[in-house]
Amino acid sequence: MAFRYRAVDILELDGERLLASERQAALSQLLILAGLRRMGEVVEQEARKMPILNDILDHEVLGREFKKGLAEGVQQGVRQGMQQGELKVLRRLIEKRFGAMPHRRRCLRRRSV
């Protein structure tokens, strides 16, 4: 087996393609909610008539909530990354001082933050 990958700088990614996929996901979720309230057909018709998802970030309600969720997700990712980095450093220090640790299953319980 052979695997190949290419490392990509996030600045090289096409932001428009990402936004388009987010728009599609947002519309799908909206249609699901509308379907639960028996309004799917109305929402679908309105979406066709108006470019309501041209830029969801500019929408006064949806954009604010999307940005809020995005910021919270980034903060959570940073916290998790910091925690993983600290655990790596701690493990390396312990192994340097006391030798290699036996391989173990992940038995730590996740703490809610």
N, C-alpha and C. Protein backbone atom coordinates (compact mmCIF):
# COMPACT_ATOMS: atom_id res chain seq x y z
N MET A 1 0.84 -1.19 0.00
CA MET A 1 0.00 0.00 0.00
C MET A 1 0.88 1.25 0.00
N ALA A 2 0.43 2.21 -0.69
CA ALA A 2 1.15 3.48 -0.72
C ALA A 2 0.13 4.60 -0.57
N PHE A 3 0.47 5.54 0.27
CA PHE A 3 -0.41 6.68 0.49
C PHE A 3 0.35 7.95 0.17
N ARG A 4 -0.31 8.88 -0.43
CA ARG A 4 0.28 10.17 -0.73
C ARG A 4 -0.69 11.25 -0.29
N TYR A 5 -0.15 12.34 0.12
CA TYR A 5 -0.98 13.48 0.47
C TYR A 5 -0.22 14.75 0.15
N ARG A 6 -0.94 15.82 0.09
CA ARG A 6 -0.34 17.11 -0.19
C ARG A 6 -0.76 18.06 0.93
N ALA A 7 0.22 18.64 1.58
CA ALA A 7 -0.07 19.63 2.62
C ALA A 7 -0.45 20.93 1.94
N VAL A 8 -1.51 21.55 2.42
CA VAL A 8 -2.02 22.77 1.80
C VAL A 8 -2.13 23.85 2.86
N ASP A 9 -1.69 25.02 2.50
CA ASP A 9 -1.86 26.18 3.36
C ASP A 9 -3.32 26.61 3.27
N ILE A 10 -3.94 26.87 4.39
CA ILE A 10 -5.37 27.23 4.40
C ILE A 10 -5.63 28.49 3.58
N LEU A 11 -4.63 29.34 3.46
CA LEU A 11 -4.79 30.56 2.67
C LEU A 11 -4.91 30.27 1.18
N GLU A 12 -4.49 29.07 0.76
CA GLU A 12 -4.57 28.70 -0.65
C GLU A 12 -5.94 28.14 -1.02
N LEU A 13 -6.77 27.85 -0.05
CA LEU A 13 -8.08 27.26 -0.32
C LEU A 13 -9.02 28.29 -0.94
N ASP A 14 -9.92 27.83 -1.76
CA ASP A 14 -10.91 28.69 -2.41
C ASP A 14 -12.06 28.96 -1.44
N GLY A 15 -12.11 30.16 -0.91
CA GLY A 15 -13.13 30.53 0.07
C GLY A 15 -14.53 30.48 -0.50
N GLU A 16 -14.68 30.78 -1.78
CA GLU A 16 -15.99 30.76 -2.41
C GLU A 16 -16.59 29.36 -2.41
N ARG A 17 -15.77 28.35 -2.67
CA ARG A 17 -16.27 26.97 -2.66
C ARG A 17 -16.71 26.57 -1.25
N LEU A 18 -15.95 27.01 -0.26
CA LEU A 18 -16.32 26.71 1.12
C LEU A 18 -17.64 27.39 1.48
N LEU A 19 -17.78 28.66 1.13
CA LEU A 19 -19.03 29.36 1.41
C LEU A 19 -20.20 28.71 0.69
N ALA A 20 -19.98 28.29 -0.54
CA ALA A 20 -21.06 27.65 -1.30
C ALA A 20 -21.51 26.37 -0.60
N SER A 21 -20.57 25.60 -0.08
CA SER A 21 -20.95 24.37 0.61
C SER A 21 -21.69 24.70 1.91
N GLU A 22 -21.27 25.76 2.60
CA GLU A 22 -21.96 26.18 3.83
C GLU A 22 -23.38 26.65 3.51
N ARG A 23 -23.52 27.38 2.42
CA ARG A 23 -24.86 27.84 2.02
C ARG A 23 -25.78 26.66 1.76
N GLN A 24 -25.25 25.66 1.05
CA GLN A 24 -26.05 24.48 0.74
C GLN A 24 -26.45 23.76 2.02
N ALA A 25 -25.52 23.64 2.95
CA ALA A 25 -25.82 22.97 4.22
C ALA A 25 -26.87 23.76 5.00
N ALA A 26 -26.75 25.08 5.00
CA ALA A 26 -27.71 25.92 5.72
C ALA A 26 -29.10 25.79 5.09
N LEU A 27 -29.18 25.78 3.77
CA LEU A 27 -30.46 25.63 3.10
C LEU A 27 -31.07 24.26 3.41
N SER A 28 -30.26 23.23 3.41
CA SER A 28 -30.75 21.89 3.72
C SER A 28 -31.33 21.83 5.13
N GLN A 29 -30.63 22.43 6.07
CA GLN A 29 -31.11 22.45 7.46
C GLN A 29 -32.39 23.25 7.58
N LEU A 30 -32.45 24.37 6.87
CA LEU A 30 -33.66 25.19 6.89
C LEU A 30 -34.85 24.41 6.33
N LEU A 31 -34.62 23.66 5.26
CA LEU A 31 -35.69 22.87 4.66
C LEU A 31 -36.15 21.75 5.60
N ILE A 32 -35.23 21.16 6.33
CA ILE A 32 -35.61 20.13 7.30
C ILE A 32 -36.51 20.73 8.37
N LEU A 33 -36.09 21.86 8.93
CA LEU A 33 -36.91 22.52 9.96
C LEU A 33 -38.26 22.95 9.41
N ALA A 34 -38.24 23.49 8.20
CA ALA A 34 -39.50 23.92 7.59
C ALA A 34 -40.41 22.71 7.33
N GLY A 35 -39.81 21.59 6.95
CA GLY A 35 -40.59 20.38 6.72
C GLY A 35 -41.27 19.90 7.99
N LEU A 36 -40.60 20.04 9.11
CA LEU A 36 -41.20 19.64 10.38
C LEU A 36 -42.39 20.51 10.74
N ARG A 37 -42.39 21.72 10.22
CA ARG A 37 -43.50 22.64 10.48
C ARG A 37 -44.44 22.73 9.28
N ARG A 38 -44.28 21.78 8.38
CA ARG A 38 -45.10 21.71 7.17
C ARG A 38 -45.03 23.01 6.35
N MET A 39 -43.84 23.59 6.27
CA MET A 39 -43.63 24.82 5.51
C MET A 39 -42.52 24.64 4.47
N GLY A 40 -42.11 23.42 4.21
CA GLY A 40 -41.01 23.15 3.29
C GLY A 40 -41.24 23.71 1.91
N GLU A 41 -42.44 23.56 1.41
CA GLU A 41 -42.75 24.03 0.07
C GLU A 41 -42.65 25.55 -0.01
N VAL A 42 -43.13 26.24 1.00
CA VAL A 42 -43.07 27.71 1.03
C VAL A 42 -41.62 28.18 1.04
N VAL A 43 -40.80 27.57 1.89
CA VAL A 43 -39.39 27.97 1.98
C VAL A 43 -38.67 27.68 0.67
N GLU A 44 -38.96 26.56 0.07
CA GLU A 44 -38.33 26.21 -1.21
C GLU A 44 -38.69 27.21 -2.29
N GLN A 45 -39.95 27.61 -2.34
CA GLN A 45 -40.39 28.59 -3.34
C GLN A 45 -39.70 29.94 -3.11
N GLU A 46 -39.64 30.36 -1.85
CA GLU A 46 -39.00 31.64 -1.53
C GLU A 46 -37.50 31.60 -1.84
N ALA A 47 -36.86 30.49 -1.59
CA ALA A 47 -35.43 30.37 -1.87
C ALA A 47 -35.16 30.49 -3.37
N ARG A 48 -36.08 29.99 -4.18
CA ARG A 48 -35.91 30.09 -5.63
C ARG A 48 -36.14 31.53 -6.11
N LYS A 49 -37.10 32.22 -5.49
CA LYS A 49 -37.43 33.57 -5.92
C LYS A 49 -36.38 34.60 -5.51
N MET A 50 -35.82 34.41 -4.33
CA MET A 50 -34.90 35.41 -3.78
C MET A 50 -33.55 34.78 -3.48
N PRO A 51 -32.49 35.51 -3.74
CA PRO A 51 -31.16 34.99 -3.42
C PRO A 51 -30.85 35.15 -1.93
N ILE A 52 -31.67 34.51 -1.08
CA ILE A 52 -31.53 34.73 0.36
C ILE A 52 -30.24 34.16 0.93
N LEU A 53 -29.60 33.25 0.20
CA LEU A 53 -28.38 32.66 0.72
C LEU A 53 -27.14 33.11 -0.04
N ASN A 54 -27.24 34.25 -0.73
CA ASN A 54 -26.06 34.74 -1.43
C ASN A 54 -24.89 34.91 -0.48
N ASP A 55 -25.12 35.52 0.64
CA ASP A 55 -24.09 35.60 1.66
C ASP A 55 -24.76 35.53 3.02
N ILE A 56 -24.79 34.33 3.56
CA ILE A 56 -25.48 34.10 4.83
C ILE A 56 -24.85 34.90 5.97
N LEU A 57 -23.58 35.22 5.84
CA LEU A 57 -22.91 35.98 6.90
C LEU A 57 -23.44 37.41 7.00
N ASP A 58 -24.03 37.93 5.91
CA ASP A 58 -24.57 39.29 5.93
C ASP A 58 -26.01 39.33 6.44
N HIS A 59 -26.63 38.18 6.60
CA HIS A 59 -28.01 38.13 7.09
C HIS A 59 -28.04 38.59 8.54
N GLU A 60 -28.99 39.46 8.88
CA GLU A 60 -28.99 40.06 10.21
C GLU A 60 -29.18 39.05 11.34
N VAL A 61 -29.94 38.01 11.14
CA VAL A 61 -30.15 37.01 12.19
C VAL A 61 -29.26 35.79 11.97
N LEU A 62 -29.39 35.18 10.80
CA LEU A 62 -28.63 33.96 10.54
C LEU A 62 -27.13 34.21 10.56
N GLY A 63 -26.70 35.34 10.01
CA GLY A 63 -25.28 35.66 9.98
C GLY A 63 -24.72 35.83 11.37
N ARG A 64 -25.46 36.50 12.24
CA ARG A 64 -25.00 36.72 13.62
C ARG A 64 -24.86 35.39 14.34
N GLU A 65 -25.85 34.52 14.19
CA GLU A 65 -25.81 33.22 14.86
C GLU A 65 -24.72 32.33 14.28
N PHE A 66 -24.55 32.38 12.96
CA PHE A 66 -23.52 31.58 12.32
C PHE A 66 -22.14 32.01 12.81
N LYS A 67 -21.91 33.33 12.85
CA LYS A 67 -20.62 33.85 13.31
C LYS A 67 -20.38 33.49 14.77
N LYS A 68 -21.44 33.57 15.57
CA LYS A 68 -21.32 33.22 16.99
C LYS A 68 -20.93 31.75 17.14
N GLY A 69 -21.61 30.87 16.41
CA GLY A 69 -21.30 29.45 16.47
C GLY A 69 -19.89 29.16 15.95
N LEU A 70 -19.50 29.86 14.91
CA LEU A 70 -18.16 29.69 14.35
C LEU A 70 -17.10 30.11 15.37
N ALA A 71 -17.31 31.24 16.02
CA ALA A 71 -16.35 31.72 17.03
C ALA A 71 -16.26 30.74 18.19
N GLU A 72 -17.40 30.23 18.64
CA GLU A 72 -17.40 29.26 19.73
C GLU A 72 -16.67 27.99 19.33
N GLY A 73 -16.87 27.55 18.09
CA GLY A 73 -16.19 26.35 17.60
C GLY A 73 -14.68 26.54 17.53
N VAL A 74 -14.26 27.73 17.09
CA VAL A 74 -12.83 28.02 17.03
C VAL A 74 -12.24 28.02 18.43
N GLN A 75 -12.92 28.66 19.37
CA GLN A 75 -12.43 28.70 20.75
C GLN A 75 -12.32 27.29 21.33
N GLN A 76 -13.31 26.46 21.08
CA GLN A 76 -13.28 25.10 21.58
C GLN A 76 -12.12 24.33 20.94
N GLY A 77 -11.90 24.52 19.66
CA GLY A 77 -10.79 23.87 18.97
C GLY A 77 -9.44 24.29 19.52
N VAL A 78 -9.31 25.59 19.81
CA VAL A 78 -8.06 26.08 20.39
C VAL A 78 -7.83 25.46 21.76
N ARG A 79 -8.89 25.41 22.58
CA ARG A 79 -8.76 24.80 23.92
C ARG A 79 -8.34 23.34 23.81
N GLN A 80 -8.98 22.60 22.91
CA GLN A 80 -8.64 21.19 22.76
C GLN A 80 -7.22 21.02 22.24
N GLY A 81 -6.81 21.86 21.31
CA GLY A 81 -5.45 21.80 20.79
C GLY A 81 -4.42 22.09 21.86
N MET A 82 -4.70 23.09 22.69
CA MET A 82 -3.79 23.42 23.79
C MET A 82 -3.69 22.25 24.76
N GLN A 83 -4.82 21.67 25.09
CA GLN A 83 -4.84 20.55 26.03
C GLN A 83 -4.04 19.37 25.47
N GLN A 84 -4.25 19.05 24.20
CA GLN A 84 -3.51 17.95 23.59
C GLN A 84 -2.01 18.24 23.56
N GLY A 85 -1.64 19.48 23.26
CA GLY A 85 -0.24 19.86 23.25
C GLY A 85 0.39 19.74 24.63
N GLU A 86 -0.35 20.19 25.64
CA GLU A 86 0.15 20.09 27.01
C GLU A 86 0.32 18.64 27.43
N LEU A 87 -0.62 17.79 27.04
CA LEU A 87 -0.51 16.37 27.38
C LEU A 87 0.70 15.74 26.70
N LYS A 88 0.97 16.13 25.46
CA LYS A 88 2.14 15.61 24.74
C LYS A 88 3.42 16.01 25.45
N VAL A 89 3.51 17.30 25.82
CA VAL A 89 4.70 17.78 26.50
C VAL A 89 4.88 17.05 27.83
N LEU A 90 3.80 16.90 28.58
CA LEU A 90 3.86 16.22 29.87
C LEU A 90 4.31 14.77 29.70
N ARG A 91 3.77 14.10 28.70
CA ARG A 91 4.15 12.71 28.45
C ARG A 91 5.64 12.62 28.09
N ARG A 92 6.10 13.54 27.25
CA ARG A 92 7.52 13.54 26.88
C ARG A 92 8.42 13.77 28.09
N LEU A 93 8.02 14.70 28.95
CA LEU A 93 8.82 14.97 30.15
C LEU A 93 8.88 13.74 31.06
N ILE A 94 7.74 13.09 31.24
CA ILE A 94 7.68 11.90 32.08
C ILE A 94 8.56 10.79 31.48
N GLU A 95 8.45 10.60 30.16
CA GLU A 95 9.24 9.56 29.51
C GLU A 95 10.74 9.87 29.56
N LYS A 96 11.08 11.14 29.46
CA LYS A 96 12.49 11.52 29.54
C LYS A 96 13.04 11.24 30.94
N ARG A 97 12.21 11.49 31.92
CA ARG A 97 12.65 11.31 33.31
C ARG A 97 12.61 9.85 33.76
N PHE A 98 11.55 9.13 33.40
CA PHE A 98 11.34 7.78 33.92
C PHE A 98 11.41 6.68 32.86
N GLY A 99 11.58 7.01 31.62
CA GLY A 99 11.62 6.01 30.57
C GLY A 99 10.26 5.88 29.89
N ALA A 100 10.24 5.03 28.87
CA ALA A 100 9.04 4.87 28.07
C ALA A 100 7.88 4.35 28.91
N MET A 101 6.71 4.90 28.65
CA MET A 101 5.51 4.45 29.34
C MET A 101 4.89 3.31 28.55
N PRO A 102 4.28 2.33 29.24
CA PRO A 102 3.64 1.24 28.50
C PRO A 102 2.48 1.78 27.67
N HIS A 103 2.25 1.14 26.53
CA HIS A 103 1.13 1.55 25.68
C HIS A 103 -0.17 1.25 26.42
N ARG A 104 -1.09 2.16 26.37
CA ARG A 104 -2.34 1.99 27.10
C ARG A 104 -3.50 2.42 26.23
N ARG A 105 -4.65 1.89 26.58
CA ARG A 105 -5.88 2.36 25.91
C ARG A 105 -6.24 3.70 26.49
N ARG A 106 -6.92 4.45 25.71
CA ARG A 106 -7.35 5.76 26.19
C ARG A 106 -8.44 5.56 27.23
N CYS A 107 -8.09 5.82 28.47
CA CYS A 107 -9.04 5.56 29.54
C CYS A 107 -9.45 6.84 30.25
N LEU A 108 -8.93 7.96 29.79
CA LEU A 108 -9.31 9.22 30.42
C LEU A 108 -10.72 9.59 29.99
N ARG A 109 -11.49 9.99 30.92
CA ARG A 109 -12.85 10.43 30.59
C ARG A 109 -12.79 11.88 30.16
N ARG A 110 -13.61 12.22 29.21
CA ARG A 110 -13.66 13.61 28.76
C ARG A 110 -14.38 14.44 29.81
N ARG A 111 -13.78 15.57 30.07
CA ARG A 111 -14.42 16.51 31.00
C ARG A 111 -15.18 17.55 30.20
N SER A 112 -16.33 17.91 30.68
CA SER A 112 -17.07 18.98 30.00
C SER A 112 -16.50 20.31 30.48
N VAL A 113 -16.30 21.19 29.52
CA VAL A 113 -15.68 22.48 29.82
C VAL A 113 -16.73 23.54 29.89
